[in-house]
Amino acid sequence: MQTSVDISFYPLRPEFVSPILDFINRLKKYENIESETNGMSTQVFGEFFDVMHAITNEIHKSFELPHSVFILKIVNADLR
């Protein structure tokens, strides 16, 4: 099943840009998913389990920073 996930990441700290860019760059290393970014969020597309595996791993890494907030919208279709 194809899925699309819209992710907004809010590191609650004064220096918030580098954790966001790091998260996006880590997602781009996965060959079996695609990601696109804009000024508000990152969209990830691919097979459901591939996408969920990638974002779960990378959210877990980002949670090493204190007080990080993620907002996800998950759709069971490819919305590219």
Protein backbone atom coordinates (compact mmCIF):
# COMPACT_ATOMS: atom_id res chain seq x y z
CA MET A 1 0.00 0.00 0.00
CA GLN A 2 1.32 3.41 -0.93
CA THR A 3 1.34 6.08 1.76
CA SER A 4 2.11 9.77 2.12
CA VAL A 5 3.20 11.34 5.40
CA ASP A 6 3.37 15.06 6.09
CA ILE A 7 5.79 15.79 8.95
CA SER A 8 6.32 18.99 10.90
CA PHE A 9 9.22 18.98 13.38
CA TYR A 10 9.55 21.54 16.16
CA PRO A 11 12.72 21.29 18.24
CA LEU A 12 11.86 23.45 21.25
CA ARG A 13 15.24 25.09 21.64
CA PRO A 14 16.87 28.36 20.53
CA GLU A 15 18.95 26.63 17.82
CA PHE A 16 16.20 24.80 15.93
CA VAL A 17 17.32 24.90 12.29
CA SER A 18 20.18 22.38 12.42
CA PRO A 19 18.09 19.57 14.05
CA ILE A 20 15.42 20.02 11.36
CA LEU A 21 17.97 19.92 8.53
CA ASP A 22 19.64 16.90 10.10
CA PHE A 23 16.29 15.06 10.25
CA ILE A 24 15.54 15.87 6.60
CA ASN A 25 19.02 14.80 5.44
CA ARG A 26 18.76 11.50 7.30
CA LEU A 27 15.42 10.77 5.61
CA LYS A 28 16.95 11.43 2.18
CA LYS A 29 19.44 8.58 2.73
CA TYR A 30 16.70 5.95 2.51
CA GLU A 31 16.66 4.62 -1.05
CA ASN A 32 13.20 3.03 -0.91
CA ILE A 33 11.27 6.22 0.00
CA GLU A 34 11.05 9.70 -1.47
CA SER A 35 10.88 12.96 0.42
CA GLU A 36 10.13 16.56 -0.49
CA THR A 37 10.41 19.64 1.67
CA ASN A 38 8.87 23.08 1.70
CA GLY A 39 8.88 25.96 4.16
CA MET A 40 6.35 24.31 6.47
CA SER A 41 6.91 20.55 6.41
CA THR A 42 8.48 17.47 4.86
CA GLN A 43 6.45 14.98 2.86
CA VAL A 44 7.53 11.34 2.65
CA PHE A 45 6.18 8.90 0.04
CA GLY A 46 6.48 5.18 -0.56
CA GLU A 47 5.33 1.77 0.57
CA PHE A 48 3.66 2.02 3.99
CA PHE A 49 6.09 -0.16 5.95
CA ASP A 50 9.16 1.40 4.29
CA VAL A 51 7.95 4.92 5.13
CA MET A 52 6.95 4.05 8.68
CA HIS A 53 10.26 2.27 9.31
CA ALA A 54 12.26 5.27 8.10
CA ILE A 55 10.32 7.95 9.95
CA THR A 56 10.14 5.88 13.16
CA ASN A 57 13.93 5.42 13.15
CA GLU A 58 14.62 9.07 12.44
CA ILE A 59 12.09 10.44 14.92
CA HIS A 60 13.64 8.19 17.56
CA LYS A 61 17.10 9.67 16.80
CA SER A 62 15.68 13.20 16.95
CA PHE A 63 14.13 12.50 20.34
CA GLU A 64 17.66 12.40 21.74
CA LEU A 65 17.24 16.17 21.90
CA PRO A 66 15.11 17.30 24.80
CA HIS A 67 11.65 18.62 24.05
CA SER A 68 11.16 17.79 20.40
CA VAL A 69 7.65 17.85 18.91
CA PHE A 70 6.55 16.06 15.73
CA ILE A 71 3.19 16.43 14.02
CA LEU A 72 2.31 13.78 11.42
CA LYS A 73 -0.48 13.46 8.88
CA ILE A 74 -0.63 10.00 7.33
CA VAL A 75 -2.64 9.22 4.20
CA ASN A 76 -3.15 5.78 2.64
CA ALA A 77 -2.43 7.04 -0.88
CA ASP A 78 0.41 8.52 -2.88
CA LEU A 79 -0.37 12.25 -3.00
CA ARG A 80 2.59 13.41 -5.07
